[in-house]
């Protein structure tokens, strides 16, 4: 049974199809999460400079507004683009539990639901 589940998951991932999943991570911005202006894939450098705010939420919002970044979900080192930027902005800088459909080829999630969660792992 375990081999069948692993084979099914691998087949879905390899085929590039979308599938529904639940994610636990942080709503961040693409500039920080993808190392555009960060060496640590985080808000660390920007917060240290104090030019973009005092916390992850203000840093994310500033990067989206000033650098044309977009809100993304960072989960276990993976960065996923999000389809609903308005809903994602409500949770900027927060740990969330997000349910949605993952497009594997695009690393993009169509959000079905999003809510605050315990600290991101």
N, C-alpha and C. Protein backbone atom coordinates (compact mmCIF):
# COMPACT_ATOMS: atom_id res chain seq x y z
N UNK A 1 0.83 -1.19 0.00
CA UNK A 1 0.00 0.00 0.00
C UNK A 1 0.87 1.25 0.00
N UNK A 2 1.91 1.26 0.84
CA UNK A 2 2.80 2.41 0.94
C UNK A 2 3.48 2.68 -0.40
N UNK A 3 3.91 1.63 -1.09
CA UNK A 3 4.57 1.80 -2.38
C UNK A 3 3.61 2.40 -3.40
N UNK A 4 2.34 2.01 -3.36
CA UNK A 4 1.35 2.54 -4.28
C UNK A 4 1.16 4.03 -4.06
N UNK A 5 1.10 4.47 -2.80
CA UNK A 5 0.92 5.89 -2.49
C UNK A 5 2.12 6.68 -2.99
N UNK A 6 3.32 6.20 -2.70
CA UNK A 6 4.54 6.87 -3.15
C UNK A 6 4.56 6.94 -4.67
N UNK A 7 4.21 5.88 -5.33
CA UNK A 7 4.21 5.85 -6.80
C UNK A 7 3.19 6.84 -7.36
N UNK A 8 2.04 6.93 -6.73
CA UNK A 8 0.99 7.87 -7.19
C UNK A 8 1.45 9.30 -7.03
N UNK A 9 2.02 9.63 -5.88
CA UNK A 9 2.51 10.98 -5.64
C UNK A 9 3.61 11.32 -6.64
N UNK A 10 4.53 10.41 -6.85
CA UNK A 10 5.61 10.64 -7.81
C UNK A 10 5.05 10.85 -9.21
N UNK A 11 4.07 10.06 -9.60
CA UNK A 11 3.48 10.20 -10.93
C UNK A 11 2.82 11.56 -11.10
N UNK A 12 2.13 12.03 -10.09
CA UNK A 12 1.49 13.35 -10.15
C UNK A 12 2.55 14.44 -10.27
N UNK A 13 3.59 14.35 -9.45
CA UNK A 13 4.65 15.36 -9.50
C UNK A 13 5.37 15.35 -10.84
N UNK A 14 5.66 14.17 -11.35
CA UNK A 14 6.38 14.06 -12.61
C UNK A 14 5.54 14.52 -13.80
N UNK A 15 4.24 14.36 -13.71
CA UNK A 15 3.38 14.72 -14.83
C UNK A 15 3.12 16.22 -14.90
N UNK A 16 3.41 16.94 -13.82
CA UNK A 16 3.19 18.38 -13.82
C UNK A 16 1.75 18.77 -13.59
N UNK A 17 0.95 17.85 -13.16
CA UNK A 17 -0.46 18.14 -12.90
C UNK A 17 -0.62 18.96 -11.62
N UNK A 18 -1.81 19.46 -11.44
CA UNK A 18 -2.16 20.15 -10.21
C UNK A 18 -2.78 19.15 -9.25
N UNK A 19 -2.62 19.43 -7.97
CA UNK A 19 -3.29 18.61 -6.98
C UNK A 19 -3.57 19.44 -5.74
N UNK A 20 -4.61 19.06 -5.01
CA UNK A 20 -5.00 19.77 -3.79
C UNK A 20 -4.07 19.36 -2.66
N UNK A 21 -3.72 20.33 -1.83
CA UNK A 21 -2.84 20.05 -0.70
C UNK A 21 -3.01 21.13 0.37
N UNK A 22 -2.50 20.83 1.56
CA UNK A 22 -2.47 21.78 2.65
C UNK A 22 -1.01 22.09 2.94
N UNK A 23 -0.72 23.37 3.10
CA UNK A 23 0.65 23.84 3.31
C UNK A 23 0.73 24.60 4.63
N UNK A 24 1.86 24.51 5.30
CA UNK A 24 2.13 25.28 6.52
C UNK A 24 3.42 26.06 6.25
N UNK A 25 3.32 27.38 6.24
CA UNK A 25 4.50 28.19 5.95
C UNK A 25 4.25 29.65 6.31
N UNK A 26 5.04 30.53 5.72
CA UNK A 26 4.93 31.97 5.98
C UNK A 26 4.59 32.71 4.70
N UNK A 27 3.68 33.68 4.81
CA UNK A 27 3.42 34.56 3.68
C UNK A 27 4.53 35.60 3.67
N UNK A 28 5.29 35.61 2.60
CA UNK A 28 6.43 36.51 2.45
C UNK A 28 6.27 37.24 1.12
N UNK A 29 7.34 37.88 0.68
CA UNK A 29 7.33 38.53 -0.63
C UNK A 29 8.39 37.86 -1.50
N UNK A 30 8.16 37.91 -2.79
CA UNK A 30 9.06 37.21 -3.71
C UNK A 30 10.47 37.79 -3.71
N UNK A 31 10.64 39.08 -3.46
CA UNK A 31 11.99 39.67 -3.44
C UNK A 31 12.84 39.06 -2.34
N UNK A 32 12.31 39.01 -1.13
CA UNK A 32 13.08 38.43 -0.01
C UNK A 32 13.19 36.92 -0.16
N UNK A 33 12.09 36.26 -0.49
CA UNK A 33 12.07 34.79 -0.53
C UNK A 33 12.93 34.21 -1.63
N UNK A 34 13.12 34.95 -2.71
CA UNK A 34 13.90 34.45 -3.84
C UNK A 34 15.29 35.09 -3.95
N UNK A 35 15.75 35.71 -2.87
CA UNK A 35 17.10 36.29 -2.79
C UNK A 35 17.33 37.45 -3.75
N UNK A 36 16.31 38.18 -4.11
CA UNK A 36 16.51 39.34 -4.98
C UNK A 36 17.34 40.39 -4.25
N UNK A 37 17.05 40.64 -3.00
CA UNK A 37 17.84 41.58 -2.20
C UNK A 37 18.15 41.03 -0.82
N UNK A 38 18.18 39.72 -0.73
CA UNK A 38 18.42 39.06 0.54
C UNK A 38 19.35 37.87 0.32
N UNK A 39 20.33 37.74 1.16
CA UNK A 39 21.24 36.60 1.05
C UNK A 39 20.73 35.39 1.81
N UNK A 40 19.77 35.62 2.71
CA UNK A 40 19.30 34.54 3.59
C UNK A 40 17.92 34.03 3.24
N UNK A 41 17.35 34.46 2.10
CA UNK A 41 16.00 34.08 1.71
C UNK A 41 15.00 34.43 2.82
N UNK A 42 15.22 35.58 3.43
CA UNK A 42 14.35 36.02 4.51
C UNK A 42 14.34 37.54 4.54
N UNK A 43 13.73 38.11 5.56
CA UNK A 43 13.66 39.56 5.73
C UNK A 43 14.85 40.09 6.54
N UNK A 44 15.75 39.22 6.93
CA UNK A 44 16.83 39.57 7.86
C UNK A 44 17.59 40.83 7.47
N UNK A 45 18.10 40.88 6.27
CA UNK A 45 18.90 42.04 5.85
C UNK A 45 18.07 43.32 5.77
N UNK A 46 16.87 43.20 5.25
CA UNK A 46 16.02 44.37 5.10
C UNK A 46 15.60 44.92 6.47
N UNK A 47 15.29 44.04 7.40
CA UNK A 47 14.91 44.50 8.74
C UNK A 47 16.09 45.12 9.46
N UNK A 48 17.27 44.59 9.24
CA UNK A 48 18.47 45.13 9.87
C UNK A 48 18.72 46.57 9.41
N UNK A 49 18.44 46.86 8.16
CA UNK A 49 18.65 48.21 7.63
C UNK A 49 17.56 49.18 8.10
N UNK A 50 16.47 48.65 8.59
CA UNK A 50 15.32 49.43 9.07
C UNK A 50 14.70 50.32 7.99
N UNK A 51 15.03 50.08 6.75
CA UNK A 51 14.48 50.89 5.67
C UNK A 51 13.15 50.35 5.14
N UNK A 52 12.79 49.15 5.54
CA UNK A 52 11.56 48.55 5.05
C UNK A 52 10.61 48.12 6.15
N UNK A 53 10.79 48.64 7.33
CA UNK A 53 9.88 48.31 8.42
C UNK A 53 10.59 47.60 9.54
N UNK A 54 9.80 47.28 10.54
CA UNK A 54 10.35 46.69 11.75
C UNK A 54 9.98 45.23 11.94
N UNK A 55 9.19 44.68 11.04
CA UNK A 55 8.79 43.28 11.16
C UNK A 55 8.56 42.68 9.78
N UNK A 56 8.34 41.36 9.74
CA UNK A 56 8.19 40.65 8.47
C UNK A 56 7.00 41.16 7.67
N UNK A 57 5.92 41.52 8.34
CA UNK A 57 4.72 42.01 7.64
C UNK A 57 5.00 43.31 6.91
N UNK A 58 5.62 44.27 7.59
CA UNK A 58 5.89 45.56 6.95
C UNK A 58 6.94 45.41 5.85
N UNK A 59 7.91 44.55 6.04
CA UNK A 59 8.92 44.31 5.01
C UNK A 59 8.25 43.74 3.75
N UNK A 60 7.40 42.73 3.93
CA UNK A 60 6.72 42.12 2.78
C UNK A 60 5.87 43.14 2.04
N UNK A 61 5.10 43.90 2.79
CA UNK A 61 4.23 44.90 2.16
C UNK A 61 5.04 45.96 1.42
N UNK A 62 6.15 46.40 2.00
CA UNK A 62 7.01 47.39 1.33
C UNK A 62 7.63 46.82 0.06
N UNK A 63 8.09 45.59 0.13
CA UNK A 63 8.71 44.99 -1.06
C UNK A 63 7.70 44.83 -2.19
N UNK A 64 6.48 44.47 -1.85
CA UNK A 64 5.44 44.34 -2.86
C UNK A 64 5.13 45.71 -3.47
N UNK A 65 5.02 46.72 -2.62
CA UNK A 65 4.67 48.06 -3.10
C UNK A 65 5.81 48.74 -3.86
N UNK A 66 7.04 48.59 -3.40
CA UNK A 66 8.17 49.36 -3.96
C UNK A 66 9.00 48.61 -4.99
N UNK A 67 8.99 47.28 -4.95
CA UNK A 67 9.84 46.51 -5.86
C UNK A 67 9.05 45.65 -6.83
N UNK A 68 7.74 45.85 -6.88
CA UNK A 68 6.88 45.05 -7.75
C UNK A 68 7.01 43.56 -7.45
N UNK A 69 7.29 43.25 -6.20
CA UNK A 69 7.32 41.85 -5.77
C UNK A 69 5.88 41.36 -5.64
N UNK A 70 5.71 40.11 -5.36
CA UNK A 70 4.38 39.56 -5.11
C UNK A 70 4.42 38.75 -3.83
N UNK A 71 3.26 38.55 -3.23
CA UNK A 71 3.18 37.73 -2.03
C UNK A 71 3.33 36.28 -2.43
N UNK A 72 4.11 35.53 -1.65
CA UNK A 72 4.37 34.12 -1.90
C UNK A 72 4.24 33.36 -0.59
N UNK A 73 4.15 32.05 -0.70
CA UNK A 73 4.19 31.19 0.47
C UNK A 73 5.56 30.52 0.51
N UNK A 74 6.23 30.62 1.65
CA UNK A 74 7.51 29.94 1.85
C UNK A 74 7.25 28.79 2.81
N UNK A 75 7.52 27.59 2.32
CA UNK A 75 7.30 26.39 3.14
C UNK A 75 8.49 25.46 2.98
N UNK A 76 9.19 25.23 4.08
CA UNK A 76 10.32 24.29 4.09
C UNK A 76 11.29 24.55 2.94
N UNK A 77 11.64 25.80 2.72
CA UNK A 77 12.60 26.14 1.69
C UNK A 77 12.01 26.27 0.29
N UNK A 78 10.76 25.88 0.10
CA UNK A 78 10.11 26.03 -1.20
C UNK A 78 9.36 27.36 -1.23
N UNK A 79 9.33 27.98 -2.40
CA UNK A 79 8.62 29.24 -2.59
C UNK A 79 7.53 29.01 -3.62
N UNK A 80 6.30 29.31 -3.24
CA UNK A 80 5.15 29.12 -4.12
C UNK A 80 4.48 30.45 -4.41
N UNK A 81 4.24 30.73 -5.67
CA UNK A 81 3.48 31.91 -6.06
C UNK A 81 2.01 31.69 -5.68
N UNK A 82 1.32 32.78 -5.38
CA UNK A 82 -0.07 32.69 -4.94
C UNK A 82 -0.97 33.45 -5.89
N UNK A 83 -2.12 32.88 -6.21
CA UNK A 83 -3.02 33.51 -7.17
C UNK A 83 -3.80 34.68 -6.59
N UNK A 84 -4.12 34.64 -5.32
CA UNK A 84 -4.96 35.67 -4.70
C UNK A 84 -4.09 36.59 -3.84
N UNK A 85 -3.57 37.64 -4.45
CA UNK A 85 -2.68 38.56 -3.75
C UNK A 85 -3.41 39.37 -2.68
N UNK A 86 -4.66 39.67 -2.87
CA UNK A 86 -5.44 40.43 -1.88
C UNK A 86 -5.59 39.62 -0.60
N UNK A 87 -5.94 38.36 -0.73
CA UNK A 87 -6.09 37.50 0.44
C UNK A 87 -4.74 37.24 1.11
N UNK A 88 -3.70 37.02 0.32
CA UNK A 88 -2.37 36.78 0.87
C UNK A 88 -1.86 37.98 1.65
N UNK A 89 -2.14 39.20 1.17
CA UNK A 89 -1.67 40.42 1.83
C UNK A 89 -2.20 40.52 3.26
N UNK A 90 -3.38 40.01 3.51
CA UNK A 90 -3.98 40.04 4.85
C UNK A 90 -3.13 39.27 5.86
N UNK A 91 -2.33 38.33 5.38
CA UNK A 91 -1.52 37.46 6.25
C UNK A 91 -0.02 37.70 6.07
N UNK A 92 0.36 38.84 5.49
CA UNK A 92 1.78 39.14 5.24
C UNK A 92 2.60 38.99 6.51
N UNK A 93 3.71 38.26 6.41
CA UNK A 93 4.62 38.09 7.53
C UNK A 93 4.17 37.09 8.57
N UNK A 94 3.05 36.43 8.34
CA UNK A 94 2.49 35.51 9.33
C UNK A 94 2.67 34.05 8.91
N UNK A 95 2.72 33.20 9.91
CA UNK A 95 2.67 31.76 9.68
C UNK A 95 1.22 31.41 9.38
N UNK A 96 1.01 30.61 8.34
CA UNK A 96 -0.34 30.28 7.92
C UNK A 96 -0.49 28.80 7.62
N UNK A 97 -1.73 28.38 7.61
CA UNK A 97 -2.11 27.08 7.05
C UNK A 97 -2.92 27.43 5.82
N UNK A 98 -2.44 27.00 4.66
CA UNK A 98 -3.06 27.34 3.40
C UNK A 98 -3.48 26.07 2.69
N UNK A 99 -4.70 26.04 2.21
CA UNK A 99 -5.20 24.92 1.43
C UNK A 99 -5.44 25.41 0.02
N UNK A 100 -4.99 24.64 -0.95
CA UNK A 100 -5.19 25.06 -2.33
C UNK A 100 -4.72 24.01 -3.31
N UNK A 101 -4.79 24.38 -4.58
CA UNK A 101 -4.35 23.50 -5.65
C UNK A 101 -2.97 23.93 -6.11
N UNK A 102 -2.01 23.03 -6.05
CA UNK A 102 -0.64 23.30 -6.44
C UNK A 102 -0.43 22.92 -7.90
N UNK A 103 0.00 23.88 -8.69
CA UNK A 103 0.43 23.63 -10.07
C UNK A 103 1.94 23.37 -9.97
N UNK A 104 2.32 22.14 -10.11
CA UNK A 104 3.71 21.73 -9.89
C UNK A 104 4.66 22.42 -10.86
N UNK A 105 4.31 22.50 -12.12
CA UNK A 105 5.19 23.09 -13.12
C UNK A 105 5.46 24.57 -12.86
N UNK A 106 4.45 25.29 -12.38
CA UNK A 106 4.59 26.72 -12.15
C UNK A 106 4.95 27.07 -10.71
N UNK A 107 4.99 26.08 -9.82
CA UNK A 107 5.20 26.33 -8.39
C UNK A 107 4.24 27.41 -7.91
N UNK A 108 2.98 27.24 -8.29
CA UNK A 108 1.94 28.23 -7.97
C UNK A 108 0.76 27.54 -7.30
N UNK A 109 0.17 28.25 -6.35
CA UNK A 109 -0.98 27.70 -5.62
C UNK A 109 -2.20 28.57 -5.88
N UNK A 110 -3.30 27.91 -6.23
CA UNK A 110 -4.60 28.57 -6.28
C UNK A 110 -5.20 28.39 -4.90
N UNK A 111 -5.35 29.48 -4.16
CA UNK A 111 -5.78 29.43 -2.76
C UNK A 111 -7.26 29.07 -2.66
N UNK A 112 -7.53 28.09 -1.81
CA UNK A 112 -8.92 27.74 -1.46
C UNK A 112 -9.25 28.35 -0.10
N UNK A 113 -8.31 28.25 0.85
CA UNK A 113 -8.51 28.85 2.17
C UNK A 113 -7.14 29.15 2.78
N UNK A 114 -7.16 30.14 3.64
CA UNK A 114 -5.93 30.53 4.32
C UNK A 114 -6.30 31.03 5.71
N UNK A 115 -5.51 30.61 6.69
CA UNK A 115 -5.76 31.06 8.06
C UNK A 115 -4.44 31.08 8.83
N UNK A 116 -4.40 31.90 9.89
CA UNK A 116 -3.22 31.95 10.74
C UNK A 116 -2.92 30.57 11.32
N UNK A 117 -1.66 30.32 11.54
CA UNK A 117 -1.21 29.00 12.01
C UNK A 117 -0.18 29.21 13.10
N UNK A 118 0.29 28.15 13.66
CA UNK A 118 1.39 28.21 14.62
C UNK A 118 2.65 28.66 13.86
N UNK A 119 3.70 29.03 14.54
CA UNK A 119 4.92 29.49 13.87
C UNK A 119 5.36 28.54 12.76
N UNK A 120 5.80 29.13 11.65
CA UNK A 120 6.24 28.34 10.49
C UNK A 120 7.40 27.43 10.88
N UNK A 121 7.41 26.27 10.30
CA UNK A 121 8.45 25.28 10.60
C UNK A 121 9.55 25.36 9.59
